[in-house]
Amino acid sequence: MNWEEYMIPCMSKTLFGLECPGCGAQRSLLLVLKGDFSAAFYMYPAIYTLLLFFGFLGLHFIDKSHNYHKILVRLAVINGIIMTAAYLYKMFIF
């Protein structure tokens, strides 16, 4: 089955021809699920911090006895930095 046929297209790339900072995240997630971890990182460097973020976000909603706010904020900041750096690298250096 070709999963790429069912992926959501990037509106920024479709409308303006420019990739957004999130371009490649879906394909990278598929690569993680297939077990190709290094290719997933090269496709979208923020994939692992993004997965950690969503994991802790799920815990935040499920486990009300612990406060995950600080961890979520830190992961969001780290993820934002990685996404921005990778986007700038892709747009101006690569």
N, C-alpha and C. Protein backbone atom coordinates (compact mmCIF):
# COMPACT_ATOMS: atom_id res chain seq x y z
N MET A 1 0.84 -1.18 0.00
CA MET A 1 0.00 0.00 0.00
C MET A 1 0.89 1.24 0.00
N ASN A 2 0.59 2.18 -0.85
CA ASN A 2 1.35 3.41 -0.93
C ASN A 2 0.68 4.46 -0.05
N TRP A 3 1.22 4.67 1.14
CA TRP A 3 0.64 5.59 2.11
C TRP A 3 0.76 7.04 1.69
N GLU A 4 1.72 7.35 0.82
CA GLU A 4 1.92 8.74 0.41
C GLU A 4 0.72 9.28 -0.38
N GLU A 5 -0.10 8.40 -0.93
CA GLU A 5 -1.30 8.84 -1.64
C GLU A 5 -2.32 9.45 -0.68
N TYR A 6 -2.26 9.08 0.61
CA TYR A 6 -3.25 9.52 1.58
C TYR A 6 -2.75 10.67 2.46
N MET A 7 -1.56 11.20 2.18
CA MET A 7 -1.01 12.28 2.99
C MET A 7 -1.69 13.60 2.67
N ILE A 8 -1.76 14.45 3.68
CA ILE A 8 -2.33 15.78 3.52
C ILE A 8 -1.32 16.65 2.80
N PRO A 9 -1.71 17.31 1.71
CA PRO A 9 -0.75 18.17 1.00
C PRO A 9 -0.46 19.44 1.79
N CYS A 10 0.74 19.96 1.62
CA CYS A 10 1.15 21.20 2.27
C CYS A 10 0.50 22.37 1.53
N MET A 11 -0.30 23.16 2.23
CA MET A 11 -0.99 24.28 1.60
C MET A 11 -0.01 25.36 1.16
N SER A 12 1.04 25.59 1.94
CA SER A 12 2.04 26.59 1.58
C SER A 12 2.75 26.21 0.28
N LYS A 13 3.11 24.95 0.19
CA LYS A 13 3.80 24.50 -1.02
C LYS A 13 2.85 24.48 -2.21
N THR A 14 1.59 24.12 -1.99
CA THR A 14 0.61 24.08 -3.05
C THR A 14 0.27 25.48 -3.57
N LEU A 15 0.06 26.42 -2.64
CA LEU A 15 -0.38 27.75 -3.05
C LEU A 15 0.77 28.66 -3.48
N PHE A 16 1.89 28.60 -2.74
CA PHE A 16 2.97 29.56 -2.98
C PHE A 16 4.25 28.94 -3.54
N GLY A 17 4.33 27.62 -3.55
CA GLY A 17 5.53 26.96 -4.06
C GLY A 17 6.68 26.94 -3.06
N LEU A 18 6.42 27.33 -1.82
CA LEU A 18 7.44 27.35 -0.78
C LEU A 18 7.10 26.32 0.30
N GLU A 19 8.11 25.58 0.72
CA GLU A 19 7.88 24.62 1.79
C GLU A 19 7.69 25.35 3.12
N CYS A 20 6.90 24.77 3.99
CA CYS A 20 6.70 25.32 5.33
C CYS A 20 7.64 24.60 6.30
N PRO A 21 7.77 25.10 7.53
CA PRO A 21 8.64 24.43 8.50
C PRO A 21 8.18 23.01 8.86
N GLY A 22 6.97 22.64 8.52
CA GLY A 22 6.47 21.31 8.83
C GLY A 22 6.55 20.33 7.68
N CYS A 23 7.00 20.80 6.52
CA CYS A 23 7.09 19.92 5.36
C CYS A 23 8.05 18.76 5.63
N GLY A 24 7.58 17.57 5.36
CA GLY A 24 8.37 16.37 5.56
C GLY A 24 8.01 15.61 6.82
N ALA A 25 7.18 16.18 7.68
CA ALA A 25 6.85 15.52 8.95
C ALA A 25 6.06 14.23 8.73
N GLN A 26 5.12 14.24 7.80
CA GLN A 26 4.32 13.04 7.55
C GLN A 26 5.16 11.91 6.99
N ARG A 27 5.99 12.23 6.00
CA ARG A 27 6.86 11.20 5.42
C ARG A 27 7.87 10.70 6.45
N SER A 28 8.34 11.61 7.30
CA SER A 28 9.28 11.22 8.35
C SER A 28 8.62 10.28 9.35
N LEU A 29 7.38 10.53 9.70
CA LEU A 29 6.66 9.65 10.61
C LEU A 29 6.49 8.26 10.00
N LEU A 30 6.20 8.21 8.71
CA LEU A 30 6.11 6.91 8.04
C LEU A 30 7.45 6.17 8.06
N LEU A 31 8.54 6.90 7.89
CA LEU A 31 9.86 6.28 7.96
C LEU A 31 10.16 5.74 9.35
N VAL A 32 9.74 6.47 10.40
CA VAL A 32 9.90 5.98 11.77
C VAL A 32 9.11 4.70 11.96
N LEU A 33 7.87 4.68 11.47
CA LEU A 33 7.03 3.49 11.61
C LEU A 33 7.58 2.30 10.84
N LYS A 34 8.31 2.57 9.75
CA LYS A 34 8.94 1.50 8.98
C LYS A 34 10.27 1.06 9.61
N GLY A 35 10.77 1.84 10.57
CA GLY A 35 12.02 1.49 11.25
C GLY A 35 13.26 2.11 10.64
N ASP A 36 13.10 3.00 9.69
CA ASP A 36 14.23 3.68 9.06
C ASP A 36 14.48 5.00 9.80
N PHE A 37 15.13 4.92 10.96
CA PHE A 37 15.25 6.05 11.86
C PHE A 37 16.18 7.15 11.34
N SER A 38 17.27 6.77 10.71
CA SER A 38 18.19 7.80 10.21
C SER A 38 17.57 8.55 9.04
N ALA A 39 16.88 7.85 8.15
CA ALA A 39 16.21 8.52 7.02
C ALA A 39 15.11 9.44 7.53
N ALA A 40 14.43 9.04 8.61
CA ALA A 40 13.39 9.89 9.19
C ALA A 40 14.00 11.18 9.72
N PHE A 41 15.17 11.08 10.35
CA PHE A 41 15.83 12.28 10.88
C PHE A 41 16.27 13.19 9.74
N TYR A 42 16.81 12.63 8.66
CA TYR A 42 17.23 13.46 7.53
C TYR A 42 16.05 14.08 6.81
N MET A 43 14.93 13.39 6.80
CA MET A 43 13.73 13.93 6.16
C MET A 43 13.18 15.11 6.96
N TYR A 44 13.14 14.96 8.29
CA TYR A 44 12.57 15.99 9.17
C TYR A 44 13.25 15.89 10.53
N PRO A 45 14.27 16.72 10.78
CA PRO A 45 15.08 16.59 12.01
C PRO A 45 14.31 16.73 13.31
N ALA A 46 13.17 17.38 13.31
CA ALA A 46 12.41 17.58 14.54
C ALA A 46 11.47 16.42 14.86
N ILE A 47 11.53 15.32 14.13
CA ILE A 47 10.55 14.25 14.30
C ILE A 47 10.60 13.64 15.70
N TYR A 48 11.78 13.47 16.25
CA TYR A 48 11.88 12.80 17.55
C TYR A 48 11.43 13.70 18.69
N THR A 49 11.76 14.98 18.64
CA THR A 49 11.26 15.89 19.67
C THR A 49 9.75 16.09 19.52
N LEU A 50 9.27 16.02 18.29
CA LEU A 50 7.83 16.13 18.06
C LEU A 50 7.09 14.92 18.63
N LEU A 51 7.66 13.73 18.44
CA LEU A 51 7.05 12.53 19.01
C LEU A 51 7.07 12.56 20.54
N LEU A 52 8.19 13.03 21.12
CA LEU A 52 8.26 13.19 22.57
C LEU A 52 7.21 14.18 23.06
N PHE A 53 7.07 15.29 22.34
CA PHE A 53 6.09 16.30 22.72
C PHE A 53 4.68 15.72 22.73
N PHE A 54 4.32 15.02 21.66
CA PHE A 54 2.97 14.45 21.60
C PHE A 54 2.78 13.33 22.62
N GLY A 55 3.85 12.60 22.94
CA GLY A 55 3.77 11.60 23.99
C GLY A 55 3.46 12.22 25.35
N PHE A 56 4.19 13.28 25.68
CA PHE A 56 3.94 13.97 26.95
C PHE A 56 2.61 14.71 26.95
N LEU A 57 2.19 15.19 25.79
CA LEU A 57 0.88 15.83 25.69
C LEU A 57 -0.23 14.82 25.98
N GLY A 58 -0.07 13.61 25.46
CA GLY A 58 -1.03 12.55 25.78
C GLY A 58 -1.04 12.22 27.27
N LEU A 59 0.16 12.15 27.86
CA LEU A 59 0.23 11.91 29.31
C LEU A 59 -0.43 13.04 30.09
N HIS A 60 -0.27 14.26 29.62
CA HIS A 60 -0.87 15.41 30.28
C HIS A 60 -2.39 15.28 30.36
N PHE A 61 -2.99 14.77 29.29
CA PHE A 61 -4.44 14.61 29.28
C PHE A 61 -4.91 13.36 30.01
N ILE A 62 -4.09 12.32 30.03
CA ILE A 62 -4.49 11.07 30.67
C ILE A 62 -4.19 11.07 32.16
N ASP A 63 -2.98 11.47 32.53
CA ASP A 63 -2.53 11.41 33.92
C ASP A 63 -2.66 12.78 34.56
N LYS A 64 -3.74 13.00 35.26
CA LYS A 64 -3.99 14.30 35.90
C LYS A 64 -3.26 14.45 37.24
N SER A 65 -2.62 13.38 37.73
CA SER A 65 -1.94 13.47 39.03
C SER A 65 -0.57 14.13 38.93
N HIS A 66 -0.02 14.24 37.71
CA HIS A 66 1.28 14.88 37.52
C HIS A 66 1.12 16.13 36.67
N ASN A 67 2.01 17.09 36.89
CA ASN A 67 1.99 18.32 36.11
C ASN A 67 3.07 18.23 35.04
N TYR A 68 2.67 18.17 33.78
CA TYR A 68 3.59 18.05 32.66
C TYR A 68 3.81 19.38 31.95
N HIS A 69 3.36 20.46 32.54
CA HIS A 69 3.42 21.77 31.89
C HIS A 69 4.86 22.18 31.57
N LYS A 70 5.77 22.07 32.52
CA LYS A 70 7.16 22.51 32.29
C LYS A 70 7.83 21.67 31.21
N ILE A 71 7.58 20.37 31.22
CA ILE A 71 8.17 19.49 30.21
C ILE A 71 7.62 19.84 28.83
N LEU A 72 6.31 20.09 28.75
CA LEU A 72 5.69 20.43 27.47
C LEU A 72 6.23 21.75 26.92
N VAL A 73 6.41 22.73 27.79
CA VAL A 73 6.93 24.02 27.34
C VAL A 73 8.36 23.86 26.85
N ARG A 74 9.18 23.13 27.59
CA ARG A 74 10.57 22.93 27.17
C ARG A 74 10.66 22.17 25.86
N LEU A 75 9.86 21.12 25.72
CA LEU A 75 9.87 20.37 24.46
C LEU A 75 9.36 21.22 23.30
N ALA A 76 8.38 22.07 23.55
CA ALA A 76 7.87 22.95 22.50
C ALA A 76 8.95 23.93 22.05
N VAL A 77 9.69 24.49 22.99
CA VAL A 77 10.76 25.43 22.66
C VAL A 77 11.87 24.72 21.88
N ILE A 78 12.29 23.56 22.38
CA ILE A 78 13.34 22.79 21.70
C ILE A 78 12.89 22.41 20.29
N ASN A 79 11.66 21.95 20.19
CA ASN A 79 11.12 21.57 18.89
C ASN A 79 11.06 22.77 17.94
N GLY A 80 10.65 23.91 18.45
CA GLY A 80 10.60 25.13 17.64
C GLY A 80 11.97 25.54 17.14
N ILE A 81 12.98 25.42 18.00
CA ILE A 81 14.34 25.77 17.60
C ILE A 81 14.84 24.82 16.51
N ILE A 82 14.61 23.53 16.70
CA ILE A 82 15.06 22.55 15.70
C ILE A 82 14.33 22.76 14.38
N MET A 83 13.03 22.99 14.44
CA MET A 83 12.25 23.21 13.21
C MET A 83 12.73 24.46 12.48
N THR A 84 12.97 25.53 13.21
CA THR A 84 13.42 26.77 12.60
C THR A 84 14.80 26.61 11.98
N ALA A 85 15.72 26.00 12.72
CA ALA A 85 17.08 25.80 12.22
C ALA A 85 17.07 24.91 10.97
N ALA A 86 16.30 23.83 11.00
CA ALA A 86 16.24 22.93 9.84
C ALA A 86 15.60 23.63 8.64
N TYR A 87 14.58 24.44 8.88
CA TYR A 87 13.92 25.16 7.80
C TYR A 87 14.88 26.17 7.17
N LEU A 88 15.58 26.94 8.00
CA LEU A 88 16.53 27.91 7.48
C LEU A 88 17.66 27.23 6.72
N TYR A 89 18.12 26.11 7.24
CA TYR A 89 19.17 25.35 6.56
C TYR A 89 18.68 24.87 5.19
N LYS A 90 17.47 24.35 5.16
CA LYS A 90 16.90 23.83 3.91
C LYS A 90 16.67 24.94 2.89
N MET A 91 16.23 26.10 3.36
CA MET A 91 15.88 27.18 2.45
C MET A 91 17.10 27.95 1.93
N PHE A 92 18.13 28.12 2.78
CA PHE A 92 19.22 29.00 2.40
C PHE A 92 20.56 28.32 2.16
N ILE A 93 20.77 27.15 2.69
CA ILE A 93 22.07 26.50 2.54
C ILE A 93 21.97 25.29 1.60
N PHE A 94 20.94 24.51 1.76
CA PHE A 94 20.80 23.29 0.99
C PHE A 94 20.27 23.62 -0.32
